[in-house]
Protein backbone atom coordinates (compact mmCIF):
# COMPACT_ATOMS: atom_id res chain seq x y z
CA MET A 1 -22.58 -6.24 -6.11
CA SER A 2 -18.85 -6.87 -6.36
CA PHE A 3 -16.23 -4.83 -4.57
CA GLU A 4 -12.52 -4.23 -4.01
CA VAL A 5 -11.19 -2.45 -0.93
CA ASP A 6 -7.58 -1.55 -1.67
CA PHE A 7 -5.25 -0.32 1.09
CA LEU A 8 -2.31 1.40 -0.60
CA PRO A 9 1.23 1.74 0.80
CA VAL A 10 1.79 5.06 2.58
CA GLY A 11 5.58 5.30 2.66
CA ASP A 12 7.69 4.85 5.78
CA GLY A 13 5.48 6.40 8.43
CA TYR A 14 1.77 6.78 9.13
CA GLY A 15 -1.28 7.54 7.03
CA ASP A 16 -4.17 5.98 5.17
CA ALA A 17 -4.90 5.81 1.45
CA ILE A 18 -7.85 3.59 0.57
CA VAL A 19 -9.44 3.11 -2.86
CA ILE A 20 -12.76 1.26 -3.03
CA ARG A 21 -14.68 0.17 -6.09
CA TYR A 22 -18.13 -1.38 -5.85
CA GLY A 23 -21.08 -2.01 -8.13
CA ASP A 24 -22.07 -4.28 -11.01
CA ASP A 25 -22.24 -4.35 -14.79
CA HIS A 26 -25.96 -3.53 -14.77
CA SER A 27 -26.05 -0.48 -12.47
CA GLY A 28 -22.47 0.66 -12.95
CA TYR A 29 -19.49 0.98 -10.64
CA TYR A 30 -18.53 3.59 -8.09
CA LEU A 31 -15.07 4.72 -7.05
CA HIS A 32 -14.76 5.81 -3.41
CA VAL A 33 -11.44 7.19 -2.11
CA VAL A 34 -10.88 7.47 1.64
CA ASP A 35 -7.94 9.64 2.75
CA GLY A 36 -4.76 10.21 0.78
CA GLY A 37 -1.73 9.99 3.06
CA CYS A 38 0.91 12.70 2.83
CA THR A 39 1.64 14.68 -0.33
CA ALA A 40 3.93 12.06 -1.89
CA ILE A 41 1.17 9.42 -1.78
CA ALA A 42 -0.87 11.23 -4.45
CA ASP A 43 1.18 9.51 -7.16
CA THR A 44 0.59 6.13 -5.52
CA ILE A 45 -3.17 6.70 -5.64
CA GLY A 46 -3.06 8.01 -9.20
CA ASN A 47 -0.95 5.11 -10.46
CA HIS A 48 -3.30 2.65 -8.75
CA ILE A 49 -6.41 4.15 -10.34
CA ASN A 50 -4.76 4.32 -13.76
CA LYS A 51 -3.71 0.66 -13.54
CA TYR A 52 -6.86 -0.94 -12.16
CA TYR A 53 -9.64 1.56 -12.89
CA PRO A 54 -8.65 3.40 -16.09
CA GLY A 55 -11.25 5.85 -17.33
CA TYR A 56 -13.01 6.12 -13.96
CA TYR A 57 -13.83 9.34 -12.22
CA ILE A 58 -14.05 9.46 -8.43
CA ASN A 59 -17.64 9.49 -7.20
CA HIS A 60 -16.78 10.13 -3.57
CA MET A 61 -13.64 11.42 -1.86
CA VAL A 62 -13.77 11.26 1.95
CA VAL A 63 -11.48 13.10 4.36
CA THR A 64 -11.87 11.25 7.65
CA HIS A 65 -10.25 13.94 9.83
CA ALA A 66 -7.96 16.93 9.70
CA ASP A 67 -4.54 15.31 10.28
CA ASN A 68 -2.20 16.04 7.39
CA ASP A 69 -1.06 12.42 6.97
CA HIS A 70 -4.61 11.65 5.82
CA VAL A 71 -5.37 14.80 3.82
CA CYS A 72 -2.40 16.17 1.91
CA GLY A 73 -2.17 13.49 -0.79
CA LEU A 74 -5.76 14.17 -1.80
CA ILE A 75 -4.91 17.65 -3.08
CA ASP A 76 -2.95 16.38 -6.09
CA VAL A 77 -5.46 13.55 -6.62
CA LEU A 78 -8.20 16.16 -6.90
CA LYS A 79 -6.06 18.05 -9.39
CA GLN A 80 -5.66 14.93 -11.57
CA TYR A 81 -9.18 13.45 -11.51
CA GLU A 82 -12.77 14.46 -11.80
CA VAL A 83 -14.29 14.14 -8.34
CA LYS A 84 -18.06 14.42 -8.00
CA HIS A 85 -18.34 14.74 -4.23
CA LEU A 86 -15.86 15.74 -1.53
CA TRP A 87 -16.86 14.90 2.04
CA MET A 88 -14.95 16.65 4.83
CA ASN A 89 -15.55 18.50 8.06
CA ARG A 90 -14.07 21.98 8.34
CA PRO A 91 -13.87 23.27 11.92
CA TRP A 92 -14.17 26.93 10.97
CA LEU A 93 -17.75 26.36 9.79
CA TYR A 94 -18.71 25.90 13.45
CA ALA A 95 -16.72 28.80 14.88
CA SER A 96 -19.84 30.63 16.06
CA GLU A 97 -20.86 27.53 18.06
CA THR A 98 -17.44 27.13 19.70
CA LEU A 99 -16.34 30.75 20.19
CA GLN A 100 -17.42 30.77 23.86
CA HIS A 101 -14.92 27.99 24.63
CA PHE A 102 -11.94 30.14 23.67
CA HIS A 103 -12.23 32.46 26.72
CA GLY A 104 -12.52 35.72 24.82
CA ASN A 105 -9.21 35.26 23.02
CA PHE A 106 -10.81 35.69 19.58
CA THR A 107 -13.40 37.61 17.69
CA LEU A 108 -15.54 35.36 15.50
CA GLN A 109 -13.58 36.27 12.37
CA GLY A 110 -10.33 35.93 14.29
CA LEU A 111 -11.25 32.39 15.33
CA ILE A 112 -12.21 31.47 11.77
CA ASP A 113 -8.89 32.81 10.51
CA ASP A 114 -6.97 30.95 13.22
CA MET A 115 -8.71 27.66 12.44
CA LYS A 116 -8.00 28.05 8.76
CA GLY A 117 -4.38 28.89 9.52
CA ARG A 118 -4.03 25.63 11.45
CA HIS A 119 -5.49 23.59 8.58
CA PRO A 120 -4.09 25.11 5.37
CA TYR A 121 -4.36 21.82 3.47
CA LEU A 122 -8.12 21.66 4.19
CA VAL A 123 -8.46 25.25 2.98
CA GLU A 124 -6.54 24.39 -0.21
CA LEU A 125 -8.55 21.24 -0.81
CA GLU A 126 -11.85 23.08 -0.39
CA ALA A 127 -10.81 25.93 -2.70
CA LEU A 128 -9.62 23.49 -5.37
CA ALA A 129 -12.86 21.51 -5.15
CA ARG A 130 -14.97 24.61 -5.65
CA GLU A 131 -12.78 25.70 -8.55
CA LYS A 132 -13.31 22.34 -10.27
CA GLY A 133 -17.05 22.15 -9.59
CA THR A 134 -16.81 19.34 -7.02
CA GLN A 135 -19.65 19.39 -4.49
CA VAL A 136 -18.31 19.82 -0.95
CA HIS A 137 -20.28 18.34 1.94
CA GLU A 138 -20.00 18.14 5.71
CA VAL A 139 -20.03 14.55 6.94
CA PHE A 140 -21.79 13.52 10.14
CA GLN A 141 -23.64 10.59 11.62
CA GLY A 142 -26.52 9.50 9.40
CA THR A 143 -25.00 10.77 6.15
CA SER A 144 -25.16 8.41 3.15
CA ILE A 145 -22.08 8.35 0.91
CA GLY A 146 -22.89 6.03 -1.95
CA SER A 147 -23.41 2.60 -0.37
CA PHE A 148 -21.77 3.72 2.87
CA THR A 149 -23.47 5.10 5.97
CA VAL A 150 -21.63 7.40 8.35
CA LEU A 151 -21.92 6.11 11.93
CA ALA A 152 -19.76 8.74 13.63
CA PRO A 153 -19.10 11.48 14.53
CA SER A 154 -22.41 13.06 15.45
CA ARG A 155 -22.48 16.77 14.71
CA GLU A 156 -22.85 17.53 18.42
CA ARG A 157 -19.81 15.49 19.47
CA TYR A 158 -17.68 16.90 16.62
CA ILE A 159 -18.40 20.46 17.77
CA GLN A 160 -17.57 19.53 21.36
CA LEU A 161 -14.15 18.28 20.19
CA ILE A 162 -13.19 21.36 18.17
CA PRO A 163 -11.72 23.42 21.05
CA ASP A 164 -9.17 20.67 21.66
CA PHE A 165 -8.06 20.30 18.04
CA GLU A 166 -5.18 22.76 18.39
CA LYS A 167 -3.75 20.64 21.21
CA THR A 168 -3.27 17.70 18.85
CA PRO A 169 0.41 17.22 17.93
CA THR A 170 1.48 17.20 14.31
CA SER A 171 1.34 13.62 13.15
CA TYR A 172 3.80 13.78 10.25
CA LYS A 173 7.39 14.81 10.99
CA SER A 174 9.99 15.98 8.52
CA ASP A 175 12.81 13.65 7.51
CA ASP A 176 15.25 15.81 9.47
CA GLU A 177 13.21 15.50 12.65
CA THR A 178 12.92 11.76 12.13
CA GLN A 179 16.69 11.36 11.77
CA LYS A 180 17.38 13.42 14.90
CA ALA A 181 14.97 11.22 16.82
CA GLY A 182 16.68 8.01 15.67
CA LEU A 183 19.10 7.65 18.59
CA PHE A 184 16.43 8.46 21.15
CA LYS A 185 14.12 5.90 19.55
CA SER A 186 16.87 3.26 19.75
CA LEU A 187 17.26 3.92 23.47
CA ILE A 188 13.53 3.64 24.00
CA GLU A 189 13.40 0.36 22.08
CA ALA A 190 16.17 -1.07 24.24
CA ALA A 191 14.32 -0.10 27.44
CA LYS A 192 10.99 -1.66 26.49
CA LYS A 193 9.28 -3.95 28.92
CA TRP A 194 7.29 -6.94 27.77
CA LEU A 195 4.18 -8.75 28.97
CA ASP A 196 3.25 -12.38 28.44
CA GLU A 197 -0.03 -13.01 26.69
CA LYS A 198 -1.83 -16.28 26.08
CA TRP A 199 -4.97 -17.00 24.11
CA ASP A 200 -7.01 -16.65 27.31
CA VAL A 201 -4.92 -13.85 28.84
CA GLU A 202 -5.65 -10.40 27.37
CA THR A 203 -3.65 -7.39 28.60
CA LEU A 204 -5.22 -4.71 26.38
CA SER A 205 -6.39 -1.88 28.64
CA ASP A 206 -10.01 -0.79 29.03
CA ASN A 207 -8.66 2.65 30.00
CA PRO A 208 -5.76 3.37 27.63
CA GLN A 209 -3.45 6.26 28.50
CA PRO A 210 -2.91 8.71 27.04
CA PRO A 211 -6.41 8.87 25.58
CA THR A 212 -7.03 9.27 21.86
CA SER A 213 -6.56 12.84 20.63
CA ALA A 214 -9.54 15.06 19.87
CA SER A 215 -8.67 15.14 16.18
CA ASN A 216 -8.62 11.35 15.98
CA GLU A 217 -11.84 10.99 17.97
CA SER A 218 -13.48 13.22 15.34
CA CYS A 219 -12.82 10.64 12.59
CA VAL A 220 -15.51 9.69 10.12
CA VAL A 221 -16.55 6.04 10.65
CA GLN A 222 -18.18 4.43 7.59
CA TYR A 223 -20.14 1.20 7.22
CA ALA A 224 -21.42 -0.59 4.12
CA ALA A 225 -23.26 -3.87 3.51
CA LEU A 226 -22.07 -4.83 0.04
CA GLU A 227 -22.70 -8.46 -0.93
CA ASP A 228 -23.79 -11.87 0.36
CA GLY A 229 -23.94 -10.82 3.99
CA ARG A 230 -20.50 -9.23 3.90
CA SER A 231 -20.05 -5.80 5.41
CA ILE A 232 -17.26 -3.26 5.83
CA LEU A 233 -16.34 -0.95 8.70
CA LEU A 234 -13.78 1.79 8.01
CA THR A 235 -12.50 3.42 11.18
CA ALA A 236 -9.57 5.71 10.21
CA ASP A 237 -7.86 6.88 13.44
CA VAL A 238 -10.94 6.90 15.67
CA GLY A 239 -10.70 5.99 19.34
CA PRO A 240 -12.93 4.19 21.85
CA VAL A 241 -15.35 7.11 22.29
CA GLY A 242 -16.05 7.34 18.57
CA LEU A 243 -16.28 3.56 18.22
CA HIS A 244 -18.83 3.38 21.03
CA GLU A 245 -20.84 6.20 19.45
CA ALA A 246 -20.73 4.38 16.10
CA ALA A 247 -21.82 1.12 17.75
CA ASP A 248 -24.76 2.85 19.43
CA TYR A 249 -25.94 4.22 16.09
CA ALA A 250 -25.34 0.91 14.31
CA ALA A 251 -27.58 -0.78 16.88
CA THR A 252 -30.44 1.64 16.13
CA LEU A 253 -30.11 0.74 12.44
CA GLY A 254 -29.92 -2.99 13.12
CA LEU A 255 -26.59 -3.33 11.31
CA ALA A 256 -24.82 -6.67 11.24
CA ARG A 257 -21.36 -7.22 12.67
CA PRO A 258 -18.74 -6.30 10.04
CA THR A 259 -16.98 -9.12 8.25
CA PHE A 260 -14.19 -6.70 7.30
CA ILE A 261 -12.80 -3.97 9.56
CA GLN A 262 -9.98 -1.46 9.45
CA MET A 263 -7.82 -1.53 12.58
CA PRO A 264 -8.04 2.01 14.01
CA HIS A 265 -5.01 4.28 13.99
CA HIS A 266 -2.59 1.86 12.33
CA GLY A 267 -3.04 -0.78 15.01
CA SER A 268 -2.49 1.44 18.05
CA ARG A 269 -3.33 -0.05 21.44
CA HIS A 270 -4.70 3.34 22.56
CA ASN A 271 -7.62 3.35 20.10
CA VAL A 272 -9.36 0.09 20.98
CA THR A 273 -10.44 -1.52 24.24
CA PRO A 274 -11.74 -5.01 25.03
CA ALA A 275 -15.19 -3.54 25.68
CA VAL A 276 -15.51 -1.73 22.37
CA LEU A 277 -14.09 -4.68 20.42
CA ASP A 278 -16.62 -6.98 22.09
CA ARG A 279 -19.36 -4.67 20.84
CA TRP A 280 -18.11 -4.61 17.27
CA LEU A 281 -16.52 -8.04 16.81
CA GLY A 282 -18.22 -10.11 19.47
CA PRO A 283 -16.64 -11.86 22.46
CA ARG A 284 -13.39 -13.78 22.39
CA LYS A 285 -13.58 -17.04 20.45
CA ALA A 286 -12.02 -20.48 20.59
CA LEU A 287 -8.57 -20.79 19.06
CA GLY A 288 -8.81 -21.20 15.28
CA THR A 289 -12.21 -19.52 14.87
CA ASP A 290 -12.49 -17.53 11.64
CA VAL A 291 -15.13 -14.79 11.67
CA GLY A 292 -13.75 -11.97 9.55
CA THR A 293 -10.81 -9.95 8.28
CA ALA A 294 -8.98 -6.91 9.65
CA PHE A 295 -6.61 -4.69 7.67
CA CYS A 296 -3.97 -2.45 9.22
CA SER A 297 -2.43 0.41 7.26
CA ILE A 298 1.09 1.25 8.41
CA GLY A 299 4.33 2.42 6.85
CA ALA A 300 7.26 0.20 5.96
CA ASN A 301 9.45 1.74 8.69
CA LYS A 302 7.07 1.00 11.57
CA PRO A 303 7.74 -2.65 12.44
CA GLU A 304 6.33 -2.17 15.95
CA TYR A 305 2.84 -1.72 14.45
CA PRO A 306 0.27 -3.08 14.73
CA ARG A 307 0.83 -3.24 18.47
CA GLY A 308 0.77 -6.78 19.80
CA GLN A 309 -1.98 -6.17 22.34
CA ALA A 310 -4.30 -4.69 19.70
CA LYS A 311 -3.47 -7.30 17.08
CA ASN A 312 -4.01 -10.17 19.49
CA ALA A 313 -7.36 -8.71 20.54
CA PHE A 314 -8.62 -8.84 16.95
CA ILE A 315 -7.27 -12.35 16.40
CA ARG A 316 -8.90 -13.61 19.62
CA ARG A 317 -12.25 -12.45 18.31
CA GLY A 318 -11.87 -14.38 15.09
CA TYR A 319 -10.49 -11.66 12.79
CA LYS A 320 -7.34 -12.44 10.85
CA VAL A 321 -5.06 -9.40 10.68
CA PHE A 322 -3.25 -8.33 7.49
CA VAL A 323 -0.79 -5.44 7.11
CA ASN A 324 0.16 -3.50 3.97
CA ARG A 325 3.52 -1.86 4.84
CA SER A 326 5.27 -1.46 1.45
CA SER A 327 2.64 -3.06 -0.81
CA MET A 328 -1.01 -2.81 -1.72
CA ILE A 329 -3.40 -5.24 -0.07
CA SER A 330 -6.95 -5.87 -1.25
CA HIS A 331 -10.14 -7.28 0.25
CA PHE A 332 -12.54 -8.21 -2.52
CA SER A 333 -15.38 -10.28 -3.87
CA GLY A 334 -15.26 -11.93 -7.28
CA SER A 335 -11.94 -12.25 -9.06
CA GLY A 336 -10.23 -9.19 -7.58
CA HIS A 337 -7.16 -7.74 -9.27
CA PRO A 338 -5.15 -9.89 -11.69
CA GLY A 339 -1.85 -11.18 -10.36
CA LEU A 340 -2.68 -10.82 -6.66
CA VAL A 341 -1.26 -13.49 -4.39
CA ALA A 342 -2.75 -14.74 -1.14
CA LEU A 343 -1.68 -12.85 1.94
CA THR A 344 -0.17 -14.33 5.08
CA PRO A 345 -2.00 -13.19 8.23
CA GLU A 346 -0.08 -11.72 11.13
CA PRO A 347 0.85 -14.22 13.87
CA PHE A 348 -0.46 -14.14 17.42
CA ASP A 349 2.16 -12.53 19.70
CA TYR A 350 2.88 -14.27 22.99
CA ALA A 351 5.10 -11.41 24.16
CA VAL A 352 3.65 -7.89 23.83
CA GLU A 353 5.07 -4.50 24.69
CA ALA A 354 3.95 -3.14 28.04
CA PRO A 355 2.18 0.25 28.01
C-alpha cells in the first residue's frame, strides 16, 4: 500500500489542511481529508486535489474539532467535491447529557440552540452534507475511518469537555484585530526571556500552563499502519490529556510506535510534555539517532513556531521536524509527487523561549 500525506499551507496564521491518499492499483485508492483551515484555504485544497488527484472523490472528510481555523475551509471543499463520509462531533447532539452542568440556565432546546449558535460553521457543514447525500458520522475512540483508527477522544471524555467549550477563545482573528495587536506583539517579543538547552538538558514542562483548552483536548486522534512497518499518528490540536488517552488505547490494541507524527497544535509547548512524548516516541536518544519524522503545520507569519522546547523534544527522541509555512510538504512511500525536492529539517535550538 502506497501513501502520500500532504500538509498544505494555511496562510499567515494557524490551521490544518491535510490531504492523504493511500491504496494500490489492485484494490484502489482512497482520499482522506483532515481539516480545512479557514475559509480561504478551500481553494488551496481544491487546487491540490485537481493537480495531484484529478478525478478523485473524497472518501473520508474528518473534522478534528470545532475550532473555525480547522473547519471553515471544508465547507467550500464539500461544495466542490463528492464526499462519501463526513466525520465530525457536534456538541448539540449530547445536550441532554450535559444540560445538568449548565446550572438551570437553559431548557434542553435552548441549550441545543445556543450550542448551534456558537458553531454556525458546523451547522452549515452538516446541512450541506445532508443536502448532498454525504453520510455524517460521530467520531469517537474505536471508530474505523478507512485505514485509520480513532484513538481519542472517548465518547465519555468528549461529553465531559462540552461544558467548557464556550470558554475557549476564538482561534482565528480578523486582519484588523491582527494589525491592532502588532505593536503589542512587538513589545512582547522584545521582553522575551530565554533558556539554555543542551542535548541532555530538556526544559519542556510536565505541567504546562495554561493547560490545553477543552476544545483542543476534544480533538480526534487518528492512527494508521500503512506499509512496511510504517505508521502515522495525526494529532490535530490535542493536548497531553488526549495524547495519554490515545496512548492507553493504542496499548490495548498493541499498536507500534508511529514512524510519522503530526506535532500537536502547530508545535505549541503547551500540548506536549516529556512524559507523553516518552510514551509515544520513546525515551530520549543519542545525538544523531533517526527514528521517525514529525510534521508541523503553521502559517507563514508565525516564525516563533514550532516552539523551541517542543521542537527540541521531538528531535531528542529521534524525530526530524519539518515545517510547511508557505508551501506544501509531503510524507510518502513510493515515488511521491513529481517535482518535489528534499526538505531541510529544523535545527536543534540551543536557546529557547522561557514560558
